[in-house]
Protein backbone atom coordinates (compact mmCIF):
# COMPACT_ATOMS: atom_id res chain seq x y z
CA MET A 1 -93.02 143.15 -199.88
CA VAL A 2 -89.20 142.96 -199.88
CA LEU A 3 -89.00 144.07 -196.23
CA THR A 4 -91.70 141.62 -195.15
CA LEU A 5 -89.99 138.69 -196.89
CA LEU A 6 -86.61 139.59 -195.40
CA PHE A 7 -88.05 139.85 -191.90
CA THR A 8 -89.85 136.50 -192.23
CA LEU A 9 -86.79 134.73 -193.61
CA GLU A 10 -84.42 136.14 -190.98
CA ASN A 11 -86.67 135.03 -188.14
CA LYS A 12 -87.21 131.60 -189.65
CA LEU A 13 -83.47 131.04 -190.00
CA LYS A 14 -83.08 131.54 -186.25
CA THR A 15 -85.19 128.44 -185.47
CA LYS A 16 -83.27 125.55 -183.90
CA HIS A 17 -85.02 122.17 -184.10
CA TYR A 18 -83.85 119.45 -181.70
CA LEU A 19 -84.64 116.12 -183.33
CA SER A 20 -85.80 113.48 -180.85
CA THR A 21 -84.28 110.00 -180.82
CA GLY A 22 -87.67 108.57 -181.78
CA LYS A 23 -87.94 110.86 -184.80
CA ALA A 24 -84.39 109.99 -185.87
CA LEU A 25 -85.28 106.29 -185.73
CA GLU A 26 -88.43 106.93 -187.76
CA LEU A 27 -86.42 108.71 -190.46
CA ALA A 28 -83.85 105.89 -190.39
CA ARG A 29 -86.60 103.35 -191.04
CA GLU A 30 -87.74 105.38 -194.05
CA VAL A 31 -84.19 105.30 -195.47
CA ALA A 32 -83.96 101.55 -194.80
CA ASN A 33 -87.25 101.00 -196.62
CA LYS A 34 -85.99 102.93 -199.66
CA ILE A 35 -82.87 100.77 -199.71
CA ARG A 36 -84.82 97.52 -199.43
CA LEU A 37 -87.18 98.55 -202.23
CA GLU A 38 -84.20 98.71 -204.58
CA LYS A 39 -82.33 95.69 -203.16
CA ARG A 40 -84.97 93.19 -202.07
CA ASP A 41 -83.20 89.85 -202.18
CA SER A 42 -79.61 90.54 -201.19
CA PHE A 43 -77.43 92.05 -198.52
CA VAL A 44 -76.75 95.77 -198.92
CA ASN A 45 -73.60 97.66 -197.92
CA ILE A 46 -73.97 101.25 -196.75
CA PHE A 47 -71.25 103.83 -196.12
CA GLY A 48 -71.71 106.81 -193.79
CA VAL A 49 -70.37 110.22 -194.77
CA PRO A 50 -67.91 111.32 -192.08
CA ARG A 51 -68.92 112.53 -189.55
CA GLY A 52 -72.68 113.02 -189.47
CA GLY A 53 -73.46 110.02 -191.64
CA VAL A 54 -71.63 107.51 -189.43
CA PRO A 55 -74.25 107.27 -186.63
CA VAL A 56 -76.95 107.30 -189.30
CA THR A 57 -75.58 104.13 -190.93
CA TYR A 58 -75.89 102.20 -187.67
CA LEU A 59 -79.46 103.43 -187.15
CA VAL A 60 -80.38 102.37 -190.68
CA ALA A 61 -78.57 99.01 -190.40
CA ASN A 62 -80.43 98.34 -187.15
CA CYS A 63 -83.69 98.52 -189.12
CA SER A 64 -82.92 95.53 -191.36
CA LEU A 65 -80.96 92.29 -191.11
CA TYR A 66 -80.00 92.70 -194.77
CA ILE A 67 -78.23 96.06 -194.37
CA GLN A 68 -74.65 96.22 -193.14
CA VAL A 69 -72.15 99.02 -192.59
CA VAL A 70 -68.83 99.21 -194.48
CA ASP A 71 -65.80 101.37 -193.79
CA HIS A 72 -64.92 102.29 -197.36
CA VAL A 73 -67.13 104.07 -199.88
CA ASP A 74 -65.88 101.87 -202.74
CA GLU A 75 -67.49 98.85 -201.05
CA ALA A 76 -70.88 100.56 -200.66
CA ASP A 77 -74.15 100.07 -202.50
CA PHE A 78 -75.51 103.28 -200.91
CA ILE A 79 -73.97 106.39 -199.38
CA VAL A 80 -75.81 107.72 -196.32
CA ASP A 81 -75.65 111.09 -194.54
CA ASP A 82 -77.57 112.80 -191.77
CA ILE A 83 -78.73 115.82 -193.79
CA ILE A 84 -78.62 117.24 -197.30
CA ASP A 85 -78.45 120.97 -196.69
CA SER A 86 -76.82 122.95 -199.51
CA GLY A 87 -76.30 119.73 -201.48
CA SER A 88 -72.53 120.25 -201.77
CA THR A 89 -71.63 116.95 -200.03
CA LYS A 90 -74.04 114.98 -202.21
CA LYS A 91 -72.62 116.67 -205.30
CA ARG A 92 -69.05 115.83 -204.26
CA TYR A 93 -69.86 112.14 -203.84
CA GLY A 94 -71.92 112.20 -207.03
CA GLU A 95 -68.84 113.34 -208.92
CA SER A 96 -66.46 110.83 -207.32
CA HIS A 97 -68.88 107.86 -207.18
CA PRO A 98 -71.69 108.55 -209.67
CA ALA A 99 -73.02 104.98 -209.64
CA ILE A 100 -73.73 104.91 -205.89
CA PRO A 101 -77.08 106.40 -204.73
CA PHE A 102 -76.91 109.06 -201.98
CA LEU A 103 -79.55 109.09 -199.21
CA ALA A 104 -80.04 111.16 -196.05
CA LEU A 105 -82.38 111.30 -193.08
CA ILE A 106 -83.35 114.86 -194.01
CA ASP A 107 -83.16 116.37 -197.50
CA LYS A 108 -83.58 120.16 -197.39
CA THR A 109 -83.30 120.37 -201.19
CA ASN A 110 -86.71 118.68 -201.34
CA PRO A 111 -89.37 121.44 -201.56
CA GLU A 112 -91.62 119.38 -199.26
CA CYS A 113 -89.01 119.08 -196.47
CA GLU A 114 -90.60 120.08 -193.16
CA TYR A 115 -87.26 121.28 -191.77
CA SER A 116 -86.52 123.81 -194.50
CA GLY A 117 -85.01 126.97 -192.98
CA GLU A 118 -84.37 125.31 -189.61
CA TRP A 119 -81.11 124.41 -187.93
CA VAL A 120 -81.57 120.71 -187.18
CA VAL A 121 -79.73 119.30 -184.16
CA PHE A 122 -79.54 115.49 -184.16
CA PRO A 123 -79.58 113.48 -180.91
CA TRP A 124 -75.88 112.58 -181.25
CA GLU A 125 -74.98 116.27 -181.55
CA ARG A 126 -76.36 117.18 -178.12
CA ALA A 127 -74.59 117.15 -174.79
CA GLU A 128 -76.39 116.32 -171.54
CA ASP A 129 -77.69 119.88 -171.64
CA ALA A 130 -79.93 119.98 -174.72
CA ASP A 131 -78.98 123.61 -175.34
CA ALA A 132 -75.24 122.87 -175.36
CA PRO A 133 -74.05 121.31 -178.64
CA THR A 134 -71.11 118.91 -178.31
CA GLU A 135 -69.31 120.72 -181.13
CA THR A 136 -68.77 124.47 -181.00
CA ILE A 137 -67.64 127.13 -183.45
CA GLU A 138 -64.41 127.30 -181.47
CA ASP A 139 -63.80 123.58 -182.16
CA ASN A 140 -64.05 124.20 -185.88
CA VAL A 141 -61.69 127.18 -185.74
CA THR A 142 -59.20 124.95 -183.92
CA ARG A 143 -59.44 122.43 -186.77
CA ILE A 144 -58.74 125.18 -189.30
CA LEU A 145 -55.63 126.19 -187.37
CA GLN A 146 -54.50 122.55 -187.37
CA TYR A 147 -55.30 122.24 -191.08
CA ILE A 148 -52.97 125.13 -192.00
CA GLY A 149 -50.19 123.61 -189.89
CA GLU A 150 -50.32 125.75 -186.75
CA ASP A 151 -49.64 124.63 -183.19
CA VAL A 152 -52.98 125.29 -181.47
CA LYS A 153 -51.27 125.17 -178.06
CA ARG A 154 -48.99 128.08 -178.94
CA GLY A 155 -49.47 130.99 -176.54
CA GLY A 156 -50.64 133.49 -179.12
CA LEU A 157 -53.34 131.13 -180.37
CA LEU A 158 -54.84 129.92 -177.10
CA ASP A 159 -57.75 132.38 -177.21
CA THR A 160 -57.90 132.70 -181.00
CA PRO A 161 -60.86 130.30 -181.55
CA LYS A 162 -62.96 132.28 -179.06
CA ARG A 163 -61.95 135.61 -180.60
CA VAL A 164 -62.68 134.37 -184.14
CA ALA A 165 -66.14 133.14 -183.12
CA LYS A 166 -66.92 136.50 -181.53
CA ALA A 167 -65.64 138.38 -184.58
CA TRP A 168 -67.74 136.35 -187.03
CA ALA A 169 -70.82 136.85 -184.87
CA GLU A 170 -70.30 140.60 -185.32
CA TRP A 171 -69.35 140.44 -189.01
CA CYS A 172 -72.54 138.50 -189.77
CA SER A 173 -74.88 140.21 -187.31
CA GLY A 174 -77.01 141.46 -190.21
CA TYR A 175 -78.79 138.11 -190.38
CA LYS A 176 -80.34 138.76 -186.97
CA GLU A 177 -81.23 142.40 -187.52
CA ASP A 178 -84.65 143.62 -188.68
CA VAL A 179 -83.99 146.30 -191.29
CA LYS A 180 -87.47 147.76 -190.75
CA GLN A 181 -86.46 149.17 -187.36
CA HIS A 182 -84.22 151.69 -189.14
CA PHE A 183 -86.98 153.29 -191.20
CA LYS A 184 -87.58 156.32 -189.03
CA THR A 185 -89.05 158.76 -191.51
CA PHE A 186 -90.16 162.38 -191.19
CA GLU A 187 -92.91 164.16 -193.04
CA ASP A 188 -91.90 167.38 -191.35
CA GLY A 189 -89.01 168.67 -193.47
CA SER A 190 -90.10 167.00 -196.69
CA GLU A 191 -92.39 169.85 -197.75
CA GLY A 192 -91.59 170.74 -201.34
CA CYS A 193 -88.55 168.43 -201.38
CA ASP A 194 -88.75 167.00 -204.87
CA GLU A 195 -85.04 167.07 -205.72
CA MET A 196 -82.36 164.48 -205.06
CA VAL A 197 -81.09 163.77 -201.59
CA ILE A 198 -77.64 162.21 -201.89
CA ILE A 199 -75.57 160.60 -199.14
CA LYS A 200 -72.04 160.04 -200.41
CA ASN A 201 -69.27 157.63 -199.47
CA ILE A 202 -70.84 155.62 -196.65
CA PRO A 203 -68.08 153.18 -195.63
CA PHE A 204 -68.94 149.47 -195.40
CA TYR A 205 -67.19 146.18 -194.66
CA SER A 206 -68.49 142.79 -195.78
CA HIS A 207 -67.34 139.25 -196.66
CA CYS A 208 -67.79 137.53 -199.99
CA GLU A 209 -69.78 134.32 -199.96
CA HIS A 210 -67.36 132.54 -202.32
CA HIS A 211 -64.20 132.65 -200.17
CA MET A 212 -65.46 134.38 -197.00
CA ALA A 213 -62.77 136.97 -197.69
CA PRO A 214 -63.33 140.66 -196.85
CA PHE A 215 -64.48 143.21 -199.38
CA PHE A 216 -64.96 146.83 -198.44
CA GLY A 217 -65.50 150.31 -199.85
CA THR A 218 -68.12 153.01 -200.01
CA VAL A 219 -71.81 153.28 -200.81
CA THR A 220 -73.41 156.36 -202.33
CA ILE A 221 -77.20 156.60 -202.13
CA GLY A 222 -79.53 159.03 -203.82
CA TYR A 223 -83.31 159.25 -203.66
CA ILE A 224 -86.13 161.62 -204.54
CA PRO A 225 -88.62 161.85 -201.65
CA ASN A 226 -92.31 161.26 -202.06
CA GLY A 227 -93.68 163.05 -199.01
CA GLN A 228 -91.28 161.68 -196.40
CA VAL A 229 -87.54 161.75 -195.72
CA LEU A 230 -85.32 159.34 -193.81
CA GLY A 231 -83.05 160.31 -190.92
CA LEU A 232 -79.53 160.56 -192.37
CA SER A 233 -77.88 158.20 -189.89
CA LYS A 234 -80.35 155.47 -190.89
CA PHE A 235 -78.76 155.11 -194.31
CA SER A 236 -75.55 153.87 -192.70
CA ARG A 237 -77.58 151.53 -190.49
CA ILE A 238 -79.41 150.05 -193.46
CA VAL A 239 -76.18 149.56 -195.39
CA GLY A 240 -74.76 147.76 -192.34
CA VAL A 241 -77.68 145.34 -192.08
CA PHE A 242 -77.05 144.00 -195.58
CA ALA A 243 -73.25 144.32 -195.54
CA LYS A 244 -72.96 142.24 -192.35
CA ARG A 245 -73.89 139.07 -194.19
CA LEU A 246 -72.06 136.85 -196.63
CA GLN A 247 -72.52 138.80 -199.84
CA VAL A 248 -71.66 139.48 -203.44
CA GLN A 249 -71.37 143.14 -204.35
CA GLU A 250 -74.08 142.95 -207.01
CA ARG A 251 -76.65 141.57 -204.57
CA LEU A 252 -75.66 144.03 -201.86
CA THR A 253 -76.26 146.94 -204.25
CA THR A 254 -79.69 145.62 -205.26
CA GLN A 255 -80.81 144.85 -201.71
CA ILE A 256 -80.02 148.35 -200.45
CA ALA A 257 -81.78 150.00 -203.39
CA GLU A 258 -84.93 147.85 -203.30
CA CYS A 259 -85.18 148.14 -199.51
CA LEU A 260 -85.04 151.97 -199.66
CA MET A 261 -87.41 152.17 -202.62
CA GLU A 262 -90.06 150.19 -200.79
CA GLY A 263 -89.45 151.53 -197.30
CA LEU A 264 -89.60 155.19 -198.38
CA ASN A 265 -92.12 154.79 -201.21
CA ALA A 266 -89.65 157.03 -203.02
CA ARG A 267 -90.06 158.42 -206.53
CA GLY A 268 -86.69 156.99 -207.34
CA VAL A 269 -83.56 155.48 -205.75
CA GLY A 270 -80.01 155.12 -206.96
CA VAL A 271 -77.18 153.19 -205.31
CA VAL A 272 -73.53 153.07 -206.37
CA ILE A 273 -70.96 150.89 -204.59
CA ASN A 274 -67.20 151.05 -205.10
CA ALA A 275 -65.29 148.24 -203.41
CA ARG A 276 -62.02 146.36 -203.18
CA HIS A 277 -62.12 142.56 -202.87
CA MET A 278 -59.50 140.64 -200.90
CA CYS A 279 -60.48 137.40 -202.63
CA MET A 280 -58.95 138.95 -205.76
CA GLU A 281 -56.18 141.03 -204.18
CA SER A 282 -54.74 138.54 -201.67
CA ARG A 283 -55.23 135.22 -203.51
CA GLY A 284 -55.69 133.93 -207.06
CA VAL A 285 -54.55 136.61 -209.49
CA CYS A 286 -53.33 138.83 -206.58
CA GLN A 287 -54.35 141.98 -208.45
CA GLN A 288 -53.92 144.77 -205.90
CA GLY A 289 -55.59 148.15 -206.05
CA SER A 290 -58.37 147.38 -208.51
CA GLU A 291 -61.87 148.60 -207.66
CA THR A 292 -65.26 147.22 -208.63
CA GLN A 293 -68.25 149.51 -209.16
CA THR A 294 -71.88 148.37 -209.19
CA GLN A 295 -75.05 150.40 -209.69
CA LYS A 296 -78.77 149.93 -209.11
CA LEU A 297 -81.29 152.49 -210.34
CA LEU A 298 -85.02 152.35 -209.62
CA GLY A 299 -88.03 154.49 -210.42
CA ILE A 300 -87.35 157.88 -211.95
CA PHE A 301 -83.59 157.28 -211.71
CA LYS A 302 -83.95 154.53 -214.27
CA GLU A 303 -86.77 155.97 -216.35
CA LYS A 304 -85.43 159.48 -216.98
CA ALA A 305 -82.06 159.78 -218.70
CA ASP A 306 -81.30 163.27 -217.33
CA THR A 307 -82.04 162.18 -213.73
CA LYS A 308 -79.85 159.12 -214.16
CA ALA A 309 -77.02 161.20 -215.61
CA GLU A 310 -77.24 163.79 -212.82
CA PHE A 311 -77.08 161.16 -210.07
CA LEU A 312 -74.21 159.23 -211.62
CA ARG A 313 -72.25 162.43 -212.16
CA VAL A 314 -72.59 163.44 -208.50
CA ALA A 315 -71.96 159.85 -207.29
CA SER A 316 -68.74 159.43 -209.24
């Protein structure tokens, strides 16, 4: 079940949906109708969230003579954006301007949203070639360099945006990888194998989802076979699939354990991760050298105290 859900989700997240101009206008009319239902007999000022909300405001205003665009949020009766994705932008405006309603063409936080799990590309985000977005990852890296005060024309930085984009594609390649392809199991060799198989100190590198800072360390895996064993190199592959995503260490530990438990139909699985976190060592409290350990025990590893103790003793 876990493997099936992961495979379905990963493939769905790859979908890119190019919104037609006609569909964008249809959604703009729906937003205009919502505004007019609340403000029937007066002019309404709308403010567009920079940058995606700006073209949306003009589409919406074009749908009604009573709706007009303003340049400052404090003058607005409604705040408008192109999409509510994670909800962070809506939350930010809700905190700064709680009395002003927030609307968007597409609201992915709505369970009934037809674009849930898709990467929506609006008409104003496309170049002449529909497959070439006007804004690239490299453009955003350039803005980060400008934000921290760097000269983006400096020789050493000329190719940095391209290199950073390539690096992040590799660091997060786990989103595009099907973990099921690594479950090459063998029944030959598992005869009578009812004791622990332990693979110690598998190195991994990941990035935390809170600051996108690196965290890294080792993974130790133990399992008790139930008629089939997994090729040893596949454990490192499976760790890599989950580590090459934005993660928290607790989730990473659980995902590896549950994936192996289901994929091997094992009698029990144990996973221990020891890691150092740069979000704690290089910023904030700047506490260098500390290590975080997480554990996940399933099946007989959790149910039998002596099995648990044996695994944790070997894993330490």
